Amino acid sequence: MKAFQVLFMLLLTAAAADGQSFHPGKCPQPPVQEDFNVTRYMGTWYEIEKLPAVFERGKCNQATYSLLADGTVKVHNSELVLNGKINSIEGVAKVKNSSQPAILAVSFFKGVPDSPYWVLDTDYQSYSLVYSCSDVFGLFHVDYAWILARTRVLTEDVISQLHDEMASAGVNLNRLTVSNQTGCDQTTAYDFPISGTRWHPEKNTFEWGRPYIPHSPSAVKTTFYVAELSVNEGPPQTLVLVA
């Protein structure tokens, strides 16, 4: 029992040191979005405000959700860290009970318990209010909350409305932090990686001195054909530089 008490205090100390939001007792059960439509929820959401989260260290935090063939949801979270690199992670979310589609569970690692993802309120087009809470030994709980938006800014009146809903759900508004969504240009295309190909349809000068490289009219036409094929048939995120 003494060892358990020591572990409990260590967990509390670690959470407090990292600014995590923890409370005695079990998780609350706030009401969630009625008639939640997961298909309309898909796409990219940007983080506007949040409770402190130990797993978020950067800025420009955003999440992109994609519906998979089996009805689950692909989750892609990303942020821009201090060294200028994009830190990202992918997981899968699923509805635990079809009668409550706004309550999802997200898995990022095998063997690790799923993370709750409760959509408390959303209009699908501009804002979303998400809550997550996990019980620890039945003695205290750690909670997270996010205000998300379809753009990197959200109007003050909507934020105020969501603050009222968060307060009703038991969220401590004094612990909310405003997310930094400035200087995020390099994160906007992370879901559509750009590949580049440079193609020379003409015969370069240095090639003329090499007899094993063909220079016939058909050879020139072939190179132009490949260039046109790359432009017309390549994926939209492919850049073909014809020089």
C-alpha atoms as a PDB file:
ATOM      1  CA  MET A   1       0.000   0.000   0.000  1.00  0.00           C
ATOM      2  CA  LYS A   2       2.842   2.353   0.804  1.00  0.00           C
ATOM      3  CA  ALA A   3       4.408   1.726  -2.609  1.00  0.00           C
ATOM      4  CA  PHE A   4       1.091   2.544  -4.241  1.00  0.00           C
ATOM      5  CA  GLN A   5       0.870   5.810  -2.323  1.00  0.00           C
ATOM      6  CA  VAL A   6       4.397   6.727  -3.437  1.00  0.00           C
ATOM      7  CA  LEU A   7       3.503   5.995  -7.062  1.00  0.00           C
ATOM      8  CA  PHE A   8       0.349   8.045  -6.712  1.00  0.00           C
ATOM      9  CA  MET A   9       2.272  11.052  -5.391  1.00  0.00           C
ATOM     10  CA  LEU A  10       4.877  10.726  -8.142  1.00  0.00           C
ATOM     11  CA  LEU A  11       2.156  10.802 -10.765  1.00  0.00           C
ATOM     12  CA  LEU A  12       0.581  13.853  -9.209  1.00  0.00           C
ATOM     13  CA  THR A  13       3.939  15.618  -9.002  1.00  0.00           C
ATOM     14  CA  ALA A  14       4.774  14.832 -12.618  1.00  0.00           C
ATOM     15  CA  ALA A  15       1.390  16.040 -13.792  1.00  0.00           C
ATOM     16  CA  ALA A  16       1.622  19.243 -11.787  1.00  0.00           C
ATOM     17  CA  ALA A  17       5.139  19.973 -13.007  1.00  0.00           C
ATOM     18  CA  ASP A  18       4.028  19.658 -16.605  1.00  0.00           C
ATOM     19  CA  GLY A  19       0.957  21.831 -16.140  1.00  0.00           C
ATOM     20  CA  GLN A  20      -1.408  18.934 -16.743  1.00  0.00           C
ATOM     21  CA  SER A  21      -5.020  19.318 -15.648  1.00  0.00           C
ATOM     22  CA  PHE A  22      -5.883  16.686 -13.027  1.00  0.00           C
ATOM     23  CA  HIS A  23      -8.651  16.434 -10.436  1.00  0.00           C
ATOM     24  CA  PRO A  24      -9.677  14.107  -7.616  1.00  0.00           C
ATOM     25  CA  GLY A  25     -12.388  11.560  -8.283  1.00  0.00           C
ATOM     26  CA  LYS A  26     -13.646   9.979 -11.468  1.00  0.00           C
ATOM     27  CA  CYS A  27     -14.194  11.593 -14.850  1.00  0.00           C
ATOM     28  CA  PRO A  28     -17.333  13.688 -15.353  1.00  0.00           C
ATOM     29  CA  GLN A  29     -19.839  12.680 -18.019  1.00  0.00           C
ATOM     30  CA  PRO A  30     -20.727  15.844 -19.968  1.00  0.00           C
ATOM     31  CA  PRO A  31     -23.411  15.686 -22.664  1.00  0.00           C
ATOM     32  CA  VAL A  32     -22.136  15.201 -26.204  1.00  0.00           C
ATOM     33  CA  GLN A  33     -23.289  16.329 -29.639  1.00  0.00           C
ATOM     34  CA  GLU A  34     -26.652  14.867 -30.567  1.00  0.00           C
ATOM     35  CA  ASP A  35     -27.031  13.039 -33.900  1.00  0.00           C
ATOM     36  CA  PHE A  36     -23.324  13.371 -34.554  1.00  0.00           C
ATOM     37  CA  ASN A  37     -22.412  12.868 -38.226  1.00  0.00           C
ATOM     38  CA  VAL A  38     -18.884  11.528 -38.472  1.00  0.00           C
ATOM     39  CA  THR A  39     -18.747  11.979 -42.267  1.00  0.00           C
ATOM     40  CA  ARG A  40     -19.409  15.722 -42.017  1.00  0.00           C
ATOM     41  CA  TYR A  41     -16.729  15.949 -39.327  1.00  0.00           C
ATOM     42  CA  MET A  42     -13.958  14.719 -41.616  1.00  0.00           C
ATOM     43  CA  GLY A  43     -11.246  17.077 -42.845  1.00  0.00           C
ATOM     44  CA  THR A  44      -8.746  19.366 -41.154  1.00  0.00           C
ATOM     45  CA  TRP A  45      -9.269  21.097 -37.803  1.00  0.00           C
ATOM     46  CA  TYR A  46      -6.936  23.696 -36.288  1.00  0.00           C
ATOM     47  CA  GLU A  47      -6.352  24.032 -32.567  1.00  0.00           C
ATOM     48  CA  ILE A  48      -7.503  27.388 -31.145  1.00  0.00           C
ATOM     49  CA  GLU A  49      -7.402  26.799 -27.369  1.00  0.00           C
ATOM     50  CA  LYS A  50      -6.701  23.813 -25.128  1.00  0.00           C
ATOM     51  CA  LEU A  51      -6.038  22.524 -21.661  1.00  0.00           C
ATOM     52  CA  PRO A  52      -2.321  21.747 -21.200  1.00  0.00           C
ATOM     53  CA  ALA A  53      -1.306  18.508 -22.900  1.00  0.00           C
ATOM     54  CA  VAL A  54       2.057  16.869 -22.201  1.00  0.00           C
ATOM     55  CA  PHE A  55       2.175  15.381 -25.705  1.00  0.00           C
ATOM     56  CA  GLU A  56       1.924  18.766 -27.436  1.00  0.00           C
ATOM     57  CA  ARG A  57       5.170  20.730 -27.568  1.00  0.00           C
ATOM     58  CA  GLY A  58       4.995  22.879 -30.687  1.00  0.00           C
ATOM     59  CA  LYS A  59       2.742  25.359 -32.434  1.00  0.00           C
ATOM     60  CA  CYS A  60       0.456  25.248 -35.477  1.00  0.00           C
ATOM     61  CA  ASN A  61      -1.267  22.173 -34.063  1.00  0.00           C
ATOM     62  CA  GLN A  62      -3.794  20.646 -36.406  1.00  0.00           C
ATOM     63  CA  ALA A  63      -5.625  17.377 -36.956  1.00  0.00           C
ATOM     64  CA  THR A  64      -6.882  15.822 -40.163  1.00  0.00           C
ATOM     65  CA  TYR A  65      -9.524  13.108 -40.100  1.00  0.00           C
ATOM     66  CA  SER A  66     -10.265  10.744 -42.990  1.00  0.00           C
ATOM     67  CA  LEU A  67     -12.990   8.124 -43.127  1.00  0.00           C
ATOM     68  CA  LEU A  68     -11.676   4.619 -43.822  1.00  0.00           C
ATOM     69  CA  ALA A  69     -13.443   1.820 -45.685  1.00  0.00           C
ATOM     70  CA  ASP A  70     -14.193  -0.118 -42.490  1.00  0.00           C
ATOM     71  CA  GLY A  71     -15.968   2.852 -40.916  1.00  0.00           C
ATOM     72  CA  THR A  72     -13.085   3.850 -38.640  1.00  0.00           C
ATOM     73  CA  VAL A  73     -11.345   7.204 -38.887  1.00  0.00           C
ATOM     74  CA  LYS A  74      -7.713   7.839 -39.768  1.00  0.00           C
ATOM     75  CA  VAL A  75      -6.253  10.481 -37.461  1.00  0.00           C
ATOM     76  CA  HIS A  76      -3.245  12.579 -38.466  1.00  0.00           C
ATOM     77  CA  ASN A  77      -2.034  15.074 -35.862  1.00  0.00           C
ATOM     78  CA  SER A  78       0.807  17.460 -36.578  1.00  0.00           C
ATOM     79  CA  GLU A  79       2.622  20.405 -35.046  1.00  0.00           C
ATOM     80  CA  LEU A  80       5.571  22.627 -35.873  1.00  0.00           C
ATOM     81  CA  VAL A  81       8.349  22.232 -33.297  1.00  0.00           C
ATOM     82  CA  LEU A  82      11.150  24.625 -32.348  1.00  0.00           C
ATOM     83  CA  ASN A  83      13.707  23.256 -34.823  1.00  0.00           C
ATOM     84  CA  GLY A  84      11.350  24.069 -37.693  1.00  0.00           C
ATOM     85  CA  LYS A  85      10.431  20.463 -38.359  1.00  0.00           C
ATOM     86  CA  ILE A  86       6.938  19.010 -38.475  1.00  0.00           C
ATOM     87  CA  ASN A  87       6.206  16.518 -35.721  1.00  0.00           C
ATOM     88  CA  SER A  88       3.297  14.236 -36.600  1.00  0.00           C
ATOM     89  CA  ILE A  89       1.578  11.065 -35.459  1.00  0.00           C
ATOM     90  CA  GLU A  90      -1.123   8.879 -36.971  1.00  0.00           C
ATOM     91  CA  GLY A  91      -3.780   6.808 -35.278  1.00  0.00           C
ATOM     92  CA  VAL A  92      -7.223   5.344 -35.749  1.00  0.00           C
ATOM     93  CA  ALA A  93     -10.455   6.463 -34.102  1.00  0.00           C
ATOM     94  CA  LYS A  94     -13.608   4.435 -33.815  1.00  0.00           C
ATOM     95  CA  VAL A  95     -17.081   4.873 -32.405  1.00  0.00           C
ATOM     96  CA  LYS A  96     -17.447   2.662 -29.330  1.00  0.00           C
ATOM     97  CA  ASN A  97     -21.235   2.628 -29.271  1.00  0.00           C
ATOM     98  CA  SER A  98     -23.321   3.274 -32.390  1.00  0.00           C
ATOM     99  CA  SER A  99     -26.018   4.857 -30.239  1.00  0.00           C
ATOM    100  CA  GLN A 100     -23.486   7.522 -29.175  1.00  0.00           C
ATOM    101  CA  PRO A 101     -21.481   8.334 -32.336  1.00  0.00           C
ATOM    102  CA  ALA A 102     -20.009  11.493 -30.773  1.00  0.00           C
ATOM    103  CA  ILE A 103     -18.023   9.366 -28.317  1.00  0.00           C
ATOM    104  CA  LEU A 104     -14.945   7.978 -30.019  1.00  0.00           C
ATOM    105  CA  ALA A 105     -11.799   6.197 -28.878  1.00  0.00           C
ATOM    106  CA  VAL A 106      -8.464   6.984 -30.511  1.00  0.00           C
ATOM    107  CA  SER A 107      -5.578   4.511 -30.672  1.00  0.00           C
ATOM    108  CA  PHE A 108      -2.048   5.637 -31.513  1.00  0.00           C
ATOM    109  CA  PHE A 109       0.023   2.712 -30.220  1.00  0.00           C
ATOM    110  CA  LYS A 110      -0.635  -0.995 -29.926  1.00  0.00           C
ATOM    111  CA  GLY A 111      -0.885  -2.197 -26.354  1.00  0.00           C
ATOM    112  CA  VAL A 112      -1.681   1.285 -25.054  1.00  0.00           C
ATOM    113  CA  PRO A 113      -5.232   2.083 -23.874  1.00  0.00           C
ATOM    114  CA  ASP A 114      -7.343   4.127 -26.274  1.00  0.00           C
ATOM    115  CA  SER A 115      -7.764   7.836 -25.653  1.00  0.00           C
ATOM    116  CA  PRO A 116     -11.333   9.155 -25.263  1.00  0.00           C
ATOM    117  CA  TYR A 117     -12.455  11.697 -27.850  1.00  0.00           C
ATOM    118  CA  TRP A 118     -15.835  13.225 -27.021  1.00  0.00           C
ATOM    119  CA  VAL A 119     -17.333  15.770 -29.398  1.00  0.00           C
ATOM    120  CA  LEU A 120     -19.357  18.002 -27.092  1.00  0.00           C
ATOM    121  CA  ASP A 121     -20.449  20.459 -29.763  1.00  0.00           C
ATOM    122  CA  THR A 122     -19.755  21.190 -33.426  1.00  0.00           C
ATOM    123  CA  ASP A 123     -21.398  22.849 -36.398  1.00  0.00           C
ATOM    124  CA  TYR A 124     -19.046  20.892 -38.716  1.00  0.00           C
ATOM    125  CA  GLN A 125     -18.237  24.014 -40.733  1.00  0.00           C
ATOM    126  CA  SER A 126     -16.462  26.354 -38.313  1.00  0.00           C
ATOM    127  CA  TYR A 127     -15.957  25.052 -34.771  1.00  0.00           C
ATOM    128  CA  SER A 128     -15.705  21.943 -32.619  1.00  0.00           C
ATOM    129  CA  LEU A 129     -15.461  21.426 -28.874  1.00  0.00           C
ATOM    130  CA  VAL A 130     -13.678  18.214 -27.866  1.00  0.00           C
ATOM    131  CA  TYR A 131     -13.255  16.737 -24.397  1.00  0.00           C
ATOM    132  CA  SER A 132     -11.141  13.816 -23.210  1.00  0.00           C
ATOM    133  CA  CYS A 133     -10.799  12.371 -19.731  1.00  0.00           C
ATOM    134  CA  SER A 134      -9.042   9.333 -18.264  1.00  0.00           C
ATOM    135  CA  ASP A 135      -9.419   7.853 -14.788  1.00  0.00           C
ATOM    136  CA  VAL A 136      -6.235   6.940 -12.922  1.00  0.00           C
ATOM    137  CA  PHE A 137      -6.622   4.158 -10.330  1.00  0.00           C
ATOM    138  CA  GLY A 138     -10.139   5.431  -9.676  1.00  0.00           C
ATOM    139  CA  LEU A 139      -8.608   8.095  -7.425  1.00  0.00           C
ATOM    140  CA  PHE A 140      -8.208  11.051  -9.779  1.00  0.00           C
ATOM    141  CA  HIS A 141      -8.667  11.899 -13.421  1.00  0.00           C
ATOM    142  CA  VAL A 142      -6.700  13.759 -16.056  1.00  0.00           C
ATOM    143  CA  ASP A 143      -8.680  15.746 -18.585  1.00  0.00           C
ATOM    144  CA  TYR A 144      -8.016  17.502 -21.864  1.00  0.00           C
ATOM    145  CA  ALA A 145     -10.144  19.892 -23.858  1.00  0.00           C
ATOM    146  CA  TRP A 146      -9.742  21.535 -27.227  1.00  0.00           C
ATOM    147  CA  ILE A 147     -11.469  24.273 -29.136  1.00  0.00           C
ATOM    148  CA  LEU A 148     -10.958  23.498 -32.804  1.00  0.00           C
ATOM    149  CA  ALA A 149     -11.791  25.429 -35.953  1.00  0.00           C
ATOM    150  CA  ARG A 150     -11.789  24.927 -39.692  1.00  0.00           C
ATOM    151  CA  THR A 151      -9.479  27.934 -40.004  1.00  0.00           C
ATOM    152  CA  ARG A 152      -6.566  29.109 -37.871  1.00  0.00           C
ATOM    153  CA  VAL A 153      -8.689  31.833 -36.257  1.00  0.00           C
ATOM    154  CA  LEU A 154     -12.103  31.762 -34.612  1.00  0.00           C
ATOM    155  CA  THR A 155     -14.366  34.675 -33.740  1.00  0.00           C
ATOM    156  CA  GLU A 156     -14.525  35.813 -30.136  1.00  0.00           C
ATOM    157  CA  ASP A 157     -18.270  35.294 -29.877  1.00  0.00           C
ATOM    158  CA  VAL A 158     -17.949  31.633 -30.815  1.00  0.00           C
ATOM    159  CA  ILE A 159     -15.045  31.170 -28.401  1.00  0.00           C
ATOM    160  CA  SER A 160     -17.109  32.771 -25.630  1.00  0.00           C
ATOM    161  CA  GLN A 161     -19.990  30.413 -26.386  1.00  0.00           C
ATOM    162  CA  LEU A 162     -17.675  27.410 -26.199  1.00  0.00           C
ATOM    163  CA  HIS A 163     -16.171  28.685 -22.944  1.00  0.00           C
ATOM    164  CA  ASP A 164     -19.643  28.606 -21.408  1.00  0.00           C
ATOM    165  CA  GLU A 165     -20.118  25.024 -22.582  1.00  0.00           C
ATOM    166  CA  MET A 166     -16.717  24.018 -21.230  1.00  0.00           C
ATOM    167  CA  ALA A 167     -17.518  25.531 -17.850  1.00  0.00           C
ATOM    168  CA  SER A 168     -20.767  23.572 -17.769  1.00  0.00           C
ATOM    169  CA  ALA A 169     -18.755  20.415 -18.491  1.00  0.00           C
ATOM    170  CA  GLY A 170     -16.526  21.111 -15.488  1.00  0.00           C
ATOM    171  CA  VAL A 171     -13.498  22.394 -17.392  1.00  0.00           C
ATOM    172  CA  ASN A 172     -11.365  24.899 -15.491  1.00  0.00           C
ATOM    173  CA  LEU A 173     -11.275  27.859 -17.869  1.00  0.00           C
ATOM    174  CA  ASN A 174      -8.369  29.419 -15.975  1.00  0.00           C
ATOM    175  CA  ARG A 175      -6.123  26.624 -17.241  1.00  0.00           C
ATOM    176  CA  LEU A 176      -6.933  27.147 -20.909  1.00  0.00           C
ATOM    177  CA  THR A 177      -4.073  28.243 -23.139  1.00  0.00           C
ATOM    178  CA  VAL A 178      -4.317  29.966 -26.505  1.00  0.00           C
ATOM    179  CA  SER A 179      -2.672  27.985 -29.300  1.00  0.00           C
ATOM    180  CA  ASN A 180      -0.139  29.677 -31.566  1.00  0.00           C
ATOM    181  CA  GLN A 181      -1.340  29.494 -35.155  1.00  0.00           C
ATOM    182  CA  THR A 182       1.064  32.004 -36.682  1.00  0.00           C
ATOM    183  CA  GLY A 183       3.889  31.263 -39.099  1.00  0.00           C
ATOM    184  CA  CYS A 184       2.325  27.965 -40.104  1.00  0.00           C
ATOM    185  CA  ASP A 185       2.710  28.100 -43.890  1.00  0.00           C
ATOM    186  CA  GLN A 186       4.998  25.063 -44.049  1.00  0.00           C
ATOM    187  CA  THR A 187       2.418  22.839 -42.349  1.00  0.00           C
ATOM    188  CA  THR A 188      -0.472  23.512 -44.712  1.00  0.00           C
ATOM    189  CA  ALA A 189       0.471  20.849 -47.265  1.00  0.00           C
ATOM    190  CA  TYR A 190       1.653  18.048 -44.973  1.00  0.00           C
ATOM    191  CA  ASP A 191      -1.217  15.831 -46.076  1.00  0.00           C
ATOM    192  CA  PHE A 192      -0.294  16.320 -49.726  1.00  0.00           C
ATOM    193  CA  PRO A 193       3.481  15.770 -50.004  1.00  0.00           C
ATOM    194  CA  ILE A 194       4.996  17.316 -53.092  1.00  0.00           C
ATOM    195  CA  SER A 195       7.322  15.242 -55.243  1.00  0.00           C
ATOM    196  CA  GLY A 196       9.369  16.757 -58.035  1.00  0.00           C
ATOM    197  CA  THR A 197      10.752  15.468 -61.308  1.00  0.00           C
ATOM    198  CA  ARG A 198      12.956  17.323 -63.740  1.00  0.00           C
ATOM    199  CA  TRP A 199      12.662  16.102 -67.291  1.00  0.00           C
ATOM    200  CA  HIS A 200      14.606  17.196 -70.371  1.00  0.00           C
ATOM    201  CA  PRO A 201      12.577  16.473 -73.512  1.00  0.00           C
ATOM    202  CA  GLU A 202      15.279  18.033 -75.668  1.00  0.00           C
ATOM    203  CA  LYS A 203      18.676  16.503 -76.155  1.00  0.00           C
ATOM    204  CA  ASN A 204      21.215  18.192 -73.925  1.00  0.00           C
ATOM    205  CA  THR A 205      24.423  19.461 -75.458  1.00  0.00           C
ATOM    206  CA  PHE A 206      26.620  17.001 -73.575  1.00  0.00           C
ATOM    207  CA  GLU A 207      24.589  14.092 -74.928  1.00  0.00           C
ATOM    208  CA  TRP A 208      25.560  14.731 -78.540  1.00  0.00           C
ATOM    209  CA  GLY A 209      29.079  13.557 -77.915  1.00  0.00           C
ATOM    210  CA  ARG A 210      27.885  10.171 -76.666  1.00  0.00           C
ATOM    211  CA  PRO A 211      26.974   7.857 -79.535  1.00  0.00           C
ATOM    212  CA  TYR A 212      25.128   5.399 -77.290  1.00  0.00           C
ATOM    213  CA  ILE A 213      22.419   7.999 -76.626  1.00  0.00           C
ATOM    214  CA  PRO A 214      19.929   8.040 -79.543  1.00  0.00           C
ATOM    215  CA  HIS A 215      19.113  11.355 -81.222  1.00  0.00           C
ATOM    216  CA  SER A 216      16.693  10.214 -83.871  1.00  0.00           C
ATOM    217  CA  PRO A 217      13.364  12.043 -84.405  1.00  0.00           C
ATOM    218  CA  SER A 218      11.559   9.112 -82.762  1.00  0.00           C
ATOM    219  CA  ALA A 219      13.836   9.372 -79.704  1.00  0.00           C
ATOM    220  CA  VAL A 220      13.046  13.080 -79.334  1.00  0.00           C
ATOM    221  CA  LYS A 221       9.312  12.398 -79.737  1.00  0.00           C
ATOM    222  CA  THR A 222       9.543   9.699 -77.070  1.00  0.00           C
ATOM    223  CA  THR A 223      11.021  12.107 -74.527  1.00  0.00           C
ATOM    224  CA  PHE A 224       8.290  14.665 -75.241  1.00  0.00           C
ATOM    225  CA  TYR A 225       5.666  11.946 -74.863  1.00  0.00           C
ATOM    226  CA  VAL A 226       7.004  10.944 -71.440  1.00  0.00           C
ATOM    227  CA  ALA A 227       7.069  14.603 -70.332  1.00  0.00           C
ATOM    228  CA  GLU A 228       3.453  15.151 -71.391  1.00  0.00           C
ATOM    229  CA  LEU A 229       2.402  11.882 -69.766  1.00  0.00           C
ATOM    230  CA  SER A 230       3.991  12.909 -66.466  1.00  0.00           C
ATOM    231  CA  VAL A 231       2.167  16.242 -66.496  1.00  0.00           C
ATOM    232  CA  ASN A 232      -1.227  14.896 -67.570  1.00  0.00           C
ATOM    233  CA  GLU A 233      -1.370  11.615 -65.659  1.00  0.00           C
ATOM    234  CA  GLY A 234       0.678  12.329 -62.535  1.00  0.00           C
ATOM    235  CA  PRO A 235      -1.003  12.939 -59.152  1.00  0.00           C
ATOM    236  CA  PRO A 236      -1.980  16.573 -58.462  1.00  0.00           C
ATOM    237  CA  GLN A 237       0.757  16.973 -55.863  1.00  0.00           C
ATOM    238  CA  THR A 238       3.505  16.043 -58.358  1.00  0.00           C
ATOM    239  CA  LEU A 239       5.561  18.847 -59.870  1.00  0.00           C
ATOM    240  CA  VAL A 240       7.143  18.136 -63.224  1.00  0.00           C
ATOM    241  CA  LEU A 241       9.688  20.683 -64.374  1.00  0.00           C
ATOM    242  CA  VAL A 242      10.148  20.464 -68.122  1.00  0.00           C
ATOM    243  CA  ALA A 243      13.429  22.116 -69.062  1.00  0.00           C
END
